[in-house]
Amino acid sequence: MKGRLAEIRLLLESNGISVSEWAKERGFRRSNVYAVLAGRVRCRRGEAHRIAVALGLKRPLGLAGNGLSTRQQPQTSERARDIETQALNGATDTLGRAPCDDVEEIVMT
């Protein structure tokens, strides 16, 4: 888990995007994005879950087609979409679990 989060932070940094800029482009609170990247939250619901999906840590639930999701996804730049696509590669382990679901691996800081 920590390795995957560090990889995403490095990917943002290497593309010249700050966490604040990434959060602002997507309409997320900067503090919540930092909490996800630090492994301080479980990413099970709410904004933390949406951030984990946007970072490629989790797969979307697929509820939007059922009318259960009322939040519209903000428009993203082409550069941000490229980073998200790169982040989606390797987003789950061999059992198909998303890293945020492995609570035991999260080390509180």
PDB file of N, CA and C in Angstrom:
ATOM      1  N   MET A   1       0.824  -1.192   0.000  1.00  0.00           N
ATOM      2  CA  MET A   1       0.000   0.000   0.000  1.00  0.00           C
ATOM      3  C   MET A   1       0.869   1.256   0.000  1.00  0.00           C
ATOM      4  N   LYS A   2       1.805   1.319   0.932  1.00  0.00           N
ATOM      5  CA  LYS A   2       2.651   2.513   1.009  1.00  0.00           C
ATOM      6  C   LYS A   2       3.435   2.710  -0.284  1.00  0.00           C
ATOM      7  N   GLY A   3       3.883   1.626  -0.879  1.00  0.00           N
ATOM      8  CA  GLY A   3       4.626   1.721  -2.131  1.00  0.00           C
ATOM      9  C   GLY A   3       3.777   2.285  -3.251  1.00  0.00           C
ATOM     10  N   ARG A   4       2.519   1.861  -3.321  1.00  0.00           N
ATOM     11  CA  ARG A   4       1.605   2.340  -4.363  1.00  0.00           C
ATOM     12  C   ARG A   4       1.317   3.830  -4.171  1.00  0.00           C
ATOM     13  N   LEU A   5       1.117   4.249  -2.941  1.00  0.00           N
ATOM     14  CA  LEU A   5       0.862   5.660  -2.671  1.00  0.00           C
ATOM     15  C   LEU A   5       2.087   6.503  -3.016  1.00  0.00           C
ATOM     16  N   ALA A   6       3.261   6.012  -2.656  1.00  0.00           N
ATOM     17  CA  ALA A   6       4.498   6.731  -2.984  1.00  0.00           C
ATOM     18  C   ALA A   6       4.681   6.816  -4.498  1.00  0.00           C
ATOM     19  N   GLU A   7       4.300   5.753  -5.195  1.00  0.00           N
ATOM     20  CA  GLU A   7       4.394   5.741  -6.652  1.00  0.00           C
ATOM     21  C   GLU A   7       3.489   6.810  -7.271  1.00  0.00           C
ATOM     22  N   ILE A   8       2.291   6.957  -6.729  1.00  0.00           N
ATOM     23  CA  ILE A   8       1.365   7.972  -7.247  1.00  0.00           C
ATOM     24  C   ILE A   8       1.897   9.367  -6.959  1.00  0.00           C
ATOM     25  N   ARG A   9       2.427   9.595  -5.743  1.00  0.00           N
ATOM     26  CA  ARG A   9       3.006  10.909  -5.425  1.00  0.00           C
ATOM     27  C   ARG A   9       4.169  11.220  -6.365  1.00  0.00           C
ATOM     28  N   LEU A  10       5.010  10.223  -6.629  1.00  0.00           N
ATOM     29  CA  LEU A  10       6.145  10.410  -7.532  1.00  0.00           C
ATOM     30  C   LEU A  10       5.664  10.687  -8.954  1.00  0.00           C
ATOM     31  N   LEU A  11       4.608  10.004  -9.377  1.00  0.00           N
ATOM     32  CA  LEU A  11       4.052  10.217 -10.705  1.00  0.00           C
ATOM     33  C   LEU A  11       3.537  11.646 -10.864  1.00  0.00           C
ATOM     34  N   LEU A  12       2.837  12.140  -9.859  1.00  0.00           N
ATOM     35  CA  LEU A  12       2.376  13.530  -9.898  1.00  0.00           C
ATOM     36  C   LEU A  12       3.564  14.486  -9.959  1.00  0.00           C
ATOM     37  N   GLU A  13       4.534  14.256  -9.078  1.00  0.00           N
ATOM     38  CA  GLU A  13       5.708  15.134  -9.006  1.00  0.00           C
ATOM     39  C   GLU A  13       6.492  15.128 -10.313  1.00  0.00           C
ATOM     40  N   SER A  14       6.687  13.950 -10.893  1.00  0.00           N
ATOM     41  CA  SER A  14       7.479  13.857 -12.119  1.00  0.00           C
ATOM     42  C   SER A  14       6.782  14.508 -13.309  1.00  0.00           C
ATOM     43  N   ASN A  15       5.456  14.673 -13.218  1.00  0.00           N
ATOM     44  CA  ASN A  15       4.713  15.353 -14.272  1.00  0.00           C
ATOM     45  C   ASN A  15       4.474  16.820 -13.954  1.00  0.00           C
ATOM     46  N   GLY A  16       5.092  17.302 -12.878  1.00  0.00           N
ATOM     47  CA  GLY A  16       5.008  18.712 -12.530  1.00  0.00           C
ATOM     48  C   GLY A  16       3.661  19.142 -11.978  1.00  0.00           C
ATOM     49  N   ILE A  17       2.945  18.212 -11.351  1.00  0.00           N
ATOM     50  CA  ILE A  17       1.628  18.533 -10.793  1.00  0.00           C
ATOM     51  C   ILE A  17       1.699  18.422  -9.283  1.00  0.00           C
ATOM     52  N   SER A  18       1.306  19.479  -8.600  1.00  0.00           N
ATOM     53  CA  SER A  18       1.275  19.423  -7.139  1.00  0.00           C
ATOM     54  C   SER A  18      -0.019  18.740  -6.698  1.00  0.00           C
ATOM     55  N   VAL A  19      -0.014  18.225  -5.484  1.00  0.00           N
ATOM     56  CA  VAL A  19      -1.213  17.596  -4.934  1.00  0.00           C
ATOM     57  C   VAL A  19      -2.330  18.622  -4.857  1.00  0.00           C
ATOM     58  N   SER A  20      -1.998  19.842  -4.484  1.00  0.00           N
ATOM     59  CA  SER A  20      -3.000  20.907  -4.401  1.00  0.00           C
ATOM     60  C   SER A  20      -3.634  21.178  -5.761  1.00  0.00           C
ATOM     61  N   GLU A  21      -2.795  21.253  -6.790  1.00  0.00           N
ATOM     62  CA  GLU A  21      -3.293  21.505  -8.143  1.00  0.00           C
ATOM     63  C   GLU A  21      -4.193  20.364  -8.614  1.00  0.00           C
ATOM     64  N   TRP A  22      -3.764  19.122  -8.358  1.00  0.00           N
ATOM     65  CA  TRP A  22      -4.546  17.942  -8.752  1.00  0.00           C
ATOM     66  C   TRP A  22      -5.903  17.961  -8.054  1.00  0.00           C
ATOM     67  N   ALA A  23      -5.896  18.271  -6.766  1.00  0.00           N
ATOM     68  CA  ALA A  23      -7.140  18.309  -5.992  1.00  0.00           C
ATOM     69  C   ALA A  23      -8.073  19.411  -6.504  1.00  0.00           C
ATOM     70  N   LYS A  24      -7.518  20.574  -6.764  1.00  0.00           N
ATOM     71  CA  LYS A  24      -8.328  21.709  -7.212  1.00  0.00           C
ATOM     72  C   LYS A  24      -8.967  21.425  -8.567  1.00  0.00           C
ATOM     73  N   GLU A  25      -8.213  20.812  -9.495  1.00  0.00           N
ATOM     74  CA  GLU A  25      -8.744  20.496 -10.822  1.00  0.00           C
ATOM     75  C   GLU A  25      -9.931  19.555 -10.752  1.00  0.00           C
ATOM     76  N   ARG A  26     -10.000  18.726  -9.718  1.00  0.00           N
ATOM     77  CA  ARG A  26     -11.047  17.724  -9.601  1.00  0.00           C
ATOM     78  C   ARG A  26     -12.114  18.070  -8.571  1.00  0.00           C
ATOM     79  N   GLY A  27     -11.950  19.201  -7.904  1.00  0.00           N
ATOM     80  CA  GLY A  27     -12.951  19.630  -6.938  1.00  0.00           C
ATOM     81  C   GLY A  27     -12.864  18.921  -5.590  1.00  0.00           C
ATOM     82  N   PHE A  28     -11.687  18.367  -5.260  1.00  0.00           N
ATOM     83  CA  PHE A  28     -11.498  17.699  -3.974  1.00  0.00           C
ATOM     84  C   PHE A  28     -10.818  18.651  -2.991  1.00  0.00           C
ATOM     85  N   ARG A  29     -11.057  18.425  -1.710  1.00  0.00           N
ATOM     86  CA  ARG A  29     -10.345  19.192  -0.681  1.00  0.00           C
ATOM     87  C   ARG A  29      -8.908  18.675  -0.606  1.00  0.00           C
ATOM     88  N   ARG A  30      -7.977  19.615  -0.611  1.00  0.00           N
ATOM     89  CA  ARG A  30      -6.546  19.274  -0.587  1.00  0.00           C
ATOM     90  C   ARG A  30      -6.203  18.408   0.614  1.00  0.00           C
ATOM     91  N   SER A  31      -6.742  18.722   1.772  1.00  0.00           N
ATOM     92  CA  SER A  31      -6.427  17.968   2.986  1.00  0.00           C
ATOM     93  C   SER A  31      -6.886  16.511   2.868  1.00  0.00           C
ATOM     94  N   ASN A  32      -8.011  16.284   2.194  1.00  0.00           N
ATOM     95  CA  ASN A  32      -8.485  14.912   2.014  1.00  0.00           C
ATOM     96  C   ASN A  32      -7.594  14.130   1.063  1.00  0.00           C
ATOM     97  N   VAL A  33      -7.091  14.786   0.018  1.00  0.00           N
ATOM     98  CA  VAL A  33      -6.180  14.114  -0.911  1.00  0.00           C
ATOM     99  C   VAL A  33      -4.892  13.736  -0.184  1.00  0.00           C
ATOM    100  N   TYR A  34      -4.354  14.656   0.617  1.00  0.00           N
ATOM    101  CA  TYR A  34      -3.158  14.339   1.394  1.00  0.00           C
ATOM    102  C   TYR A  34      -3.412  13.186   2.358  1.00  0.00           C
ATOM    103  N   ALA A  35      -4.601  13.139   2.968  1.00  0.00           N
ATOM    104  CA  ALA A  35      -4.932  12.052   3.901  1.00  0.00           C
ATOM    105  C   ALA A  35      -4.961  10.706   3.180  1.00  0.00           C
ATOM    106  N   VAL A  36      -5.515  10.671   1.967  1.00  0.00           N
ATOM    107  CA  VAL A  36      -5.527   9.423   1.186  1.00  0.00           C
ATOM    108  C   VAL A  36      -4.110   9.028   0.818  1.00  0.00           C
ATOM    109  N   LEU A  37      -3.319   9.990   0.334  1.00  0.00           N
ATOM    110  CA  LEU A  37      -1.946   9.683  -0.082  1.00  0.00           C
ATOM    111  C   LEU A  37      -1.051   9.277   1.091  1.00  0.00           C
ATOM    112  N   ALA A  38      -1.400   9.694   2.291  1.00  0.00           N
ATOM    113  CA  ALA A  38      -0.622   9.320   3.471  1.00  0.00           C
ATOM    114  C   ALA A  38      -1.120   8.009   4.083  1.00  0.00           C
ATOM    115  N   GLY A  39      -2.238   7.475   3.569  1.00  0.00           N
ATOM    116  CA  GLY A  39      -2.778   6.231   4.100  1.00  0.00           C
ATOM    117  C   GLY A  39      -3.499   6.396   5.423  1.00  0.00           C
ATOM    118  N   ARG A  40      -3.984   7.601   5.711  1.00  0.00           N
ATOM    119  CA  ARG A  40      -4.650   7.853   6.990  1.00  0.00           C
ATOM    120  C   ARG A  40      -6.141   7.561   6.973  1.00  0.00           C
ATOM    121  N   VAL A  41      -6.713   7.313   5.800  1.00  0.00           N
ATOM    122  CA  VAL A  41      -8.148   7.031   5.696  1.00  0.00           C
ATOM    123  C   VAL A  41      -8.363   5.715   4.958  1.00  0.00           C
ATOM    124  N   ARG A  42      -9.519   5.102   5.174  1.00  0.00           N
ATOM    125  CA  ARG A  42      -9.805   3.789   4.602  1.00  0.00           C
ATOM    126  C   ARG A  42     -10.361   3.842   3.181  1.00  0.00           C
ATOM    127  N   CYS A  43     -10.817   4.972   2.726  1.00  0.00           N
ATOM    128  CA  CYS A  43     -11.325   5.143   1.355  1.00  0.00           C
ATOM    129  C   CYS A  43     -12.560   4.297   1.090  1.00  0.00           C
ATOM    130  N   ARG A  44     -13.423   4.151   2.066  1.00  0.00           N
ATOM    131  CA  ARG A  44     -14.608   3.303   1.892  1.00  0.00           C
ATOM    132  C   ARG A  44     -15.828   4.055   1.387  1.00  0.00           C
ATOM    133  N   ARG A  45     -15.926   5.343   1.670  1.00  0.00           N
ATOM    134  CA  ARG A  45     -17.108   6.091   1.248  1.00  0.00           C
ATOM    135  C   ARG A  45     -16.765   7.572   1.159  1.00  0.00           C
ATOM    136  N   GLY A  46     -17.696   8.313   0.588  1.00  0.00           N
ATOM    137  CA  GLY A  46     -17.550   9.756   0.518  1.00  0.00           C
ATOM    138  C   GLY A  46     -16.400  10.230  -0.343  1.00  0.00           C
ATOM    139  N   GLU A  47     -15.896  11.390   0.021  1.00  0.00           N
ATOM    140  CA  GLU A  47     -14.850  12.000  -0.796  1.00  0.00           C
ATOM    141  C   GLU A  47     -13.571  11.168  -0.815  1.00  0.00           C
ATOM    142  N   ALA A  48     -13.214  10.528   0.284  1.00  0.00           N
ATOM    143  CA  ALA A  48     -12.008   9.695   0.302  1.00  0.00           C
ATOM    144  C   ALA A  48     -12.116   8.577  -0.726  1.00  0.00           C
ATOM    145  N   HIS A  49     -13.291   7.970  -0.842  1.00  0.00           N
ATOM    146  CA  HIS A  49     -13.487   6.922  -1.850  1.00  0.00           C
ATOM    147  C   HIS A  49     -13.362   7.500  -3.253  1.00  0.00           C
ATOM    148  N   ARG A  50     -13.999   8.657  -3.496  1.00  0.00           N
ATOM    149  CA  ARG A  50     -13.923   9.275  -4.822  1.00  0.00           C
ATOM    150  C   ARG A  50     -12.485   9.656  -5.173  1.00  0.00           C
ATOM    151  N   ILE A  51     -11.712  10.106  -4.195  1.00  0.00           N
ATOM    152  CA  ILE A  51     -10.309  10.440  -4.423  1.00  0.00           C
ATOM    153  C   ILE A  51      -9.528   9.178  -4.789  1.00  0.00           C
ATOM    154  N   ALA A  52      -9.758   8.091  -4.049  1.00  0.00           N
ATOM    155  CA  ALA A  52      -9.064   6.834  -4.331  1.00  0.00           C
ATOM    156  C   ALA A  52      -9.385   6.342  -5.736  1.00  0.00           C
ATOM    157  N   VAL A  53     -10.632   6.492  -6.167  1.00  0.00           N
ATOM    158  CA  VAL A  53     -11.009   6.099  -7.530  1.00  0.00           C
ATOM    159  C   VAL A  53     -10.291   6.980  -8.542  1.00  0.00           C
ATOM    160  N   ALA A  54     -10.274   8.292  -8.305  1.00  0.00           N
ATOM    161  CA  ALA A  54      -9.623   9.226  -9.227  1.00  0.00           C
ATOM    162  C   ALA A  54      -8.116   8.988  -9.311  1.00  0.00           C
ATOM    163  N   LEU A  55      -7.515   8.551  -8.211  1.00  0.00           N
ATOM    164  CA  LEU A  55      -6.078   8.257  -8.200  1.00  0.00           C
ATOM    165  C   LEU A  55      -5.763   6.885  -8.783  1.00  0.00           C
ATOM    166  N   GLY A  56      -6.789   6.078  -8.996  1.00  0.00           N
ATOM    167  CA  GLY A  56      -6.568   4.741  -9.533  1.00  0.00           C
ATOM    168  C   GLY A  56      -6.309   3.698  -8.466  1.00  0.00           C
ATOM    169  N   LEU A  57      -6.565   4.038  -7.213  1.00  0.00           N
ATOM    170  CA  LEU A  57      -6.368   3.082  -6.127  1.00  0.00           C
ATOM    171  C   LEU A  57      -7.530   2.103  -6.020  1.00  0.00           C
ATOM    172  N   LYS A  58      -8.712   2.536  -6.448  1.00  0.00           N
ATOM    173  CA  LYS A  58      -9.911   1.696  -6.380  1.00  0.00           C
ATOM    174  C   LYS A  58     -10.664   1.801  -7.694  1.00  0.00           C
ATOM    175  N   ARG A  59     -11.466   0.791  -7.953  1.00  0.00           N
ATOM    176  CA  ARG A  59     -12.326   0.824  -9.131  1.00  0.00           C
ATOM    177  C   ARG A  59     -13.642   1.511  -8.769  1.00  0.00           C
ATOM    178  N   PRO A  60     -14.255   2.197  -9.743  1.00  0.00           N
ATOM    179  CA  PRO A  60     -15.550   2.821  -9.467  1.00  0.00           C
ATOM    180  C   PRO A  60     -16.579   1.748  -9.123  1.00  0.00           C
ATOM    181  N   LEU A  61     -17.562   2.122  -8.319  1.00  0.00           N
ATOM    182  CA  LEU A  61     -18.586   1.169  -7.906  1.00  0.00           C
ATOM    183  C   LEU A  61     -19.583   0.857  -9.010  1.00  0.00           C
ATOM    184  N   GLY A  62     -19.724   1.709  -9.992  1.00  0.00           N
ATOM    185  CA  GLY A  62     -20.657   1.462 -11.075  1.00  0.00           C
ATOM    186  C   GLY A  62     -22.093   1.732 -10.695  1.00  0.00           C
ATOM    187  N   LEU A  63     -22.325   2.590  -9.709  1.00  0.00           N
ATOM    188  CA  LEU A  63     -23.679   2.892  -9.267  1.00  0.00           C
ATOM    189  C   LEU A  63     -24.318   4.026 -10.052  1.00  0.00           C
ATOM    190  N   ALA A  64     -23.543   4.747 -10.829  1.00  0.00           N
ATOM    191  CA  ALA A  64     -24.075   5.920 -11.523  1.00  0.00           C
ATOM    192  C   ALA A  64     -25.209   5.548 -12.467  1.00  0.00           C
ATOM    193  N   GLY A  65     -25.136   4.393 -13.118  1.00  0.00           N
ATOM    194  CA  GLY A  65     -26.181   3.967 -14.034  1.00  0.00           C
ATOM    195  C   GLY A  65     -27.482   3.638 -13.336  1.00  0.00           C
ATOM    196  N   ASN A  66     -27.454   3.387 -12.039  1.00  0.00           N
ATOM    197  CA  ASN A  66     -28.649   3.055 -11.284  1.00  0.00           C
ATOM    198  C   ASN A  66     -29.299   4.281 -10.662  1.00  0.00           C
ATOM    199  N   GLY A  67     -28.761   5.465 -10.932  1.00  0.00           N
ATOM    200  CA  GLY A  67     -29.320   6.684 -10.375  1.00  0.00           C
ATOM    201  C   GLY A  67     -28.939   6.902  -8.923  1.00  0.00           C
ATOM    202  N   LEU A  68     -27.994   6.129  -8.406  1.00  0.00           N
ATOM    203  CA  LEU A  68     -27.617   6.257  -7.010  1.00  0.00           C
ATOM    204  C   LEU A  68     -26.524   7.288  -6.795  1.00  0.00           C
ATOM    205  N   SER A  69     -25.835   7.671  -7.848  1.00  0.00           N
ATOM    206  CA  SER A  69     -24.766   8.648  -7.723  1.00  0.00           C
ATOM    207  C   SER A  69     -25.247   9.988  -8.268  1.00  0.00           C
ATOM    208  N   THR A  70     -25.254  10.998  -7.425  1.00  0.00           N
ATOM    209  CA  THR A  70     -25.727  12.311  -7.859  1.00  0.00           C
ATOM    210  C   THR A  70     -24.583  13.273  -8.129  1.00  0.00           C
ATOM    211  N   ARG A  71     -23.362  12.891  -7.791  1.00  0.00           N
ATOM    212  CA  ARG A  71     -22.215  13.778  -7.972  1.00  0.00           C
ATOM    213  C   ARG A  71     -21.698  13.683  -9.406  1.00  0.00           C
ATOM    214  N   GLN A  72     -21.568  14.808 -10.065  1.00  0.00           N
ATOM    215  CA  GLN A  72     -21.005  14.851 -11.400  1.00  0.00           C
ATOM    216  C   GLN A  72     -19.491  14.932 -11.281  1.00  0.00           C
ATOM    217  N   GLN A  73     -18.799  14.200 -12.132  1.00  0.00           N
ATOM    218  CA  GLN A  73     -17.343  14.251 -12.121  1.00  0.00           C
ATOM    219  C   GLN A  73     -16.888  15.537 -12.800  1.00  0.00           C
ATOM    220  N   PRO A  74     -15.964  16.275 -12.168  1.00  0.00           N
ATOM    221  CA  PRO A  74     -15.461  17.500 -12.794  1.00  0.00           C
ATOM    222  C   PRO A  74     -14.650  17.180 -14.051  1.00  0.00           C
ATOM    223  N   GLN A  75     -14.614  18.114 -14.965  1.00  0.00           N
ATOM    224  CA  GLN A  75     -13.824  17.944 -16.179  1.00  0.00           C
ATOM    225  C   GLN A  75     -12.337  17.985 -15.828  1.00  0.00           C
ATOM    226  N   THR A  76     -11.556  17.150 -16.492  1.00  0.00           N
ATOM    227  CA  THR A  76     -10.126  17.116 -16.214  1.00  0.00           C
ATOM    228  C   THR A  76      -9.351  17.436 -17.484  1.00  0.00           C
ATOM    229  N   SER A  77      -8.156  17.934 -17.301  1.00  0.00           N
ATOM    230  CA  SER A  77      -7.316  18.266 -18.431  1.00  0.00           C
ATOM    231  C   SER A  77      -6.749  16.990 -19.046  1.00  0.00           C
ATOM    232  N   GLU A  78      -6.254  17.090 -20.259  1.00  0.00           N
ATOM    233  CA  GLU A  78      -5.680  15.927 -20.944  1.00  0.00           C
ATOM    234  C   GLU A  78      -4.477  15.390 -20.175  1.00  0.00           C
ATOM    235  N   ARG A  79      -3.667  16.266 -19.639  1.00  0.00           N
ATOM    236  CA  ARG A  79      -2.488  15.843 -18.867  1.00  0.00           C
ATOM    237  C   ARG A  79      -2.914  15.082 -17.616  1.00  0.00           C
ATOM    238  N   ALA A  80      -3.954  15.555 -16.953  1.00  0.00           N
ATOM    239  CA  ALA A  80      -4.439  14.877 -15.755  1.00  0.00           C
ATOM    240  C   ALA A  80      -5.014  13.509 -16.101  1.00  0.00           C
ATOM    241  N   ARG A  81      -5.726  13.407 -17.231  1.00  0.00           N
ATOM    242  CA  ARG A  81      -6.262  12.109 -17.650  1.00  0.00           C
ATOM    243  C   ARG A  81      -5.143  11.126 -17.952  1.00  0.00           C
ATOM    244  N   ASP A  82      -4.047  11.598 -18.560  1.00  0.00           N
ATOM    245  CA  ASP A  82      -2.908  10.724 -18.831  1.00  0.00           C
ATOM    246  C   ASP A  82      -2.317  10.182 -17.541  1.00  0.00           C
ATOM    247  N   ILE A  83      -2.212  11.025 -16.530  1.00  0.00           N
ATOM    248  CA  ILE A  83      -1.666  10.593 -15.242  1.00  0.00           C
ATOM    249  C   ILE A  83      -2.597   9.589 -14.588  1.00  0.00           C
ATOM    250  N   GLU A  84      -3.898   9.833 -14.673  1.00  0.00           N
ATOM    251  CA  GLU A  84      -4.858   8.897 -14.095  1.00  0.00           C
ATOM    252  C   GLU A  84      -4.783   7.544 -14.797  1.00  0.00           C
ATOM    253  N   THR A  85      -4.610   7.565 -16.119  1.00  0.00           N
ATOM    254  CA  THR A  85      -4.489   6.316 -16.867  1.00  0.00           C
ATOM    255  C   THR A  85      -3.250   5.554 -16.422  1.00  0.00           C
ATOM    256  N   GLN A  86      -2.142   6.250 -16.236  1.00  0.00           N
ATOM    257  CA  GLN A  86      -0.918   5.601 -15.762  1.00  0.00           C
ATOM    258  C   GLN A  86      -1.121   5.053 -14.365  1.00  0.00           C
ATOM    259  N   ALA A  87      -1.825   5.777 -13.527  1.00  0.00           N
ATOM    260  CA  ALA A  87      -2.053   5.346 -12.151  1.00  0.00           C
ATOM    261  C   ALA A  87      -2.955   4.120 -12.085  1.00  0.00           C
ATOM    262  N   LEU A  88      -3.847   3.962 -13.064  1.00  0.00           N
ATOM    263  CA  LEU A  88      -4.754   2.817 -13.062  1.00  0.00           C
ATOM    264  C   LEU A  88      -4.035   1.505 -13.334  1.00  0.00           C
ATOM    265  N   ASN A  89      -2.897   1.564 -14.010  1.00  0.00           N
ATOM    266  CA  ASN A  89      -2.135   0.334 -14.262  1.00  0.00           C
ATOM    267  C   ASN A  89      -1.613  -0.207 -12.941  1.00  0.00           C
ATOM    268  N   GLY A  90      -1.971  -1.435 -12.629  1.00  0.00           N
ATOM    269  CA  GLY A  90      -1.538  -2.050 -11.381  1.00  0.00           C
ATOM    270  C   GLY A  90      -2.313  -1.560 -10.180  1.00  0.00           C
ATOM    271  N   ALA A  91      -3.565  -1.155 -10.370  1.00  0.00           N
ATOM    272  CA  ALA A  91      -4.352  -0.597  -9.266  1.00  0.00           C
ATOM    273  C   ALA A  91      -4.864  -1.660  -8.302  1.00  0.00           C
ATOM    274  N   THR A  92      -4.784  -2.937  -8.676  1.00  0.00           N
ATOM    275  CA  THR A  92      -5.237  -3.996  -7.773  1.00  0.00           C
ATOM    276  C   THR A  92      -4.172  -5.072  -7.670  1.00  0.00           C
ATOM    277  N   ASP A  93      -4.270  -5.878  -6.626  1.00  0.00           N
ATOM    278  CA  ASP A  93      -3.336  -6.984  -6.486  1.00  0.00           C
ATOM    279  C   ASP A  93      -3.836  -8.183  -7.283  1.00  0.00           C
ATOM    280  N   THR A  94      -3.196  -9.341  -7.152  1.00  0.00           N
ATOM    281  CA  THR A  94      -3.548 -10.514  -7.958  1.00  0.00           C
ATOM    282  C   THR A  94      -4.928 -11.065  -7.631  1.00  0.00           C
ATOM    283  N   LEU A  95      -5.485 -10.728  -6.478  1.00  0.00           N
ATOM    284  CA  LEU A  95      -6.819 -11.192  -6.109  1.00  0.00           C
ATOM    285  C   LEU A  95      -7.900 -10.196  -6.506  1.00  0.00           C
ATOM    286  N   GLY A  96      -7.499  -9.078  -7.130  1.00  0.00           N
ATOM    287  CA  GLY A  96      -8.463  -8.080  -7.557  1.00  0.00           C
ATOM    288  C   GLY A  96      -8.872  -7.112  -6.470  1.00  0.00           C
ATOM    289  N   ARG A  97      -8.165  -7.128  -5.342  1.00  0.00           N
ATOM    290  CA  ARG A  97      -8.489  -6.201  -4.254  1.00  0.00           C
ATOM    291  C   ARG A  97      -7.776  -4.885  -4.479  1.00  0.00           C
ATOM    292  N   ALA A  98      -8.460  -3.804  -4.152  1.00  0.00           N
ATOM    293  CA  ALA A  98      -7.836  -2.486  -4.233  1.00  0.00           C
ATOM    294  C   ALA A  98      -6.993  -2.269  -2.977  1.00  0.00           C
ATOM    295  N   PRO A  99      -5.844  -1.590  -3.099  1.00  0.00           N
ATOM    296  CA  PRO A  99      -4.974  -1.392  -1.935  1.00  0.00           C
ATOM    297  C   PRO A  99      -5.644  -0.732  -0.745  1.00  0.00           C
ATOM    298  N   CYS A 100      -6.599   0.162  -0.962  1.00  0.00           N
ATOM    299  CA  CYS A 100      -7.258   0.831   0.157  1.00  0.00           C
ATOM    300  C   CYS A 100      -8.102  -0.126   0.980  1.00  0.00           C
ATOM    301  N   ASP A 101      -8.461  -1.291   0.431  1.00  0.00           N
ATOM    302  CA  ASP A 101      -9.274  -2.246   1.166  1.00  0.00           C
ATOM    303  C   ASP A 101      -8.451  -3.040   2.174  1.00  0.00           C
ATOM    304  N   ASP A 102      -7.133  -3.032   2.037  1.00  0.00           N
ATOM    305  CA  ASP A 102      -6.265  -3.776   2.937  1.00  0.00           C
ATOM    306  C   ASP A 102      -5.903  -2.888   4.117  1.00  0.00           C
ATOM    307  N   VAL A 103      -6.804  -2.790   5.068  1.00  0.00           N
ATOM    308  CA  VAL A 103      -6.639  -1.873   6.199  1.00  0.00           C
ATOM    309  C   VAL A 103      -5.410  -2.226   7.027  1.00  0.00           C
ATOM    310  N   GLU A 104      -5.093  -3.520   7.124  1.00  0.00           N
ATOM    311  CA  GLU A 104      -3.953  -3.931   7.937  1.00  0.00           C
ATOM    312  C   GLU A 104      -2.645  -3.351   7.416  1.00  0.00           C
ATOM    313  N   GLU A 105      -2.580  -3.051   6.131  1.00  0.00           N
ATOM    314  CA  GLU A 105      -1.349  -2.527   5.534  1.00  0.00           C
ATOM    315  C   GLU A 105      -1.180  -1.030   5.766  1.00  0.00           C
ATOM    316  N   ILE A 106      -2.244  -0.359   6.162  1.00  0.00           N
ATOM    317  CA  ILE A 106      -2.179   1.085   6.348  1.00  0.00           C
ATOM    318  C   ILE A 106      -1.507   1.378   7.688  1.00  0.00           C
ATOM    319  N   VAL A 107      -0.456   2.153   7.638  1.00  0.00           N
ATOM    320  CA  VAL A 107       0.256   2.539   8.841  1.00  0.00           C
ATOM    321  C   VAL A 107      -0.122   3.961   9.166  1.00  0.00           C
ATOM    322  N   MET A 108      -0.665   4.155  10.336  1.00  0.00           N
ATOM    323  CA  MET A 108      -1.068   5.503  10.729  1.00  0.00           C
ATOM    324  C   MET A 108       0.162   6.344  11.017  1.00  0.00           C
ATOM    325  N   THR A 109       0.156   7.569  10.503  1.00  0.00           N
ATOM    326  CA  THR A 109       1.296   8.460  10.733  1.00  0.00           C
ATOM    327  C   THR A 109       0.939   9.520  11.723  1.00  0.00           C
TER     328      THR A 109
END
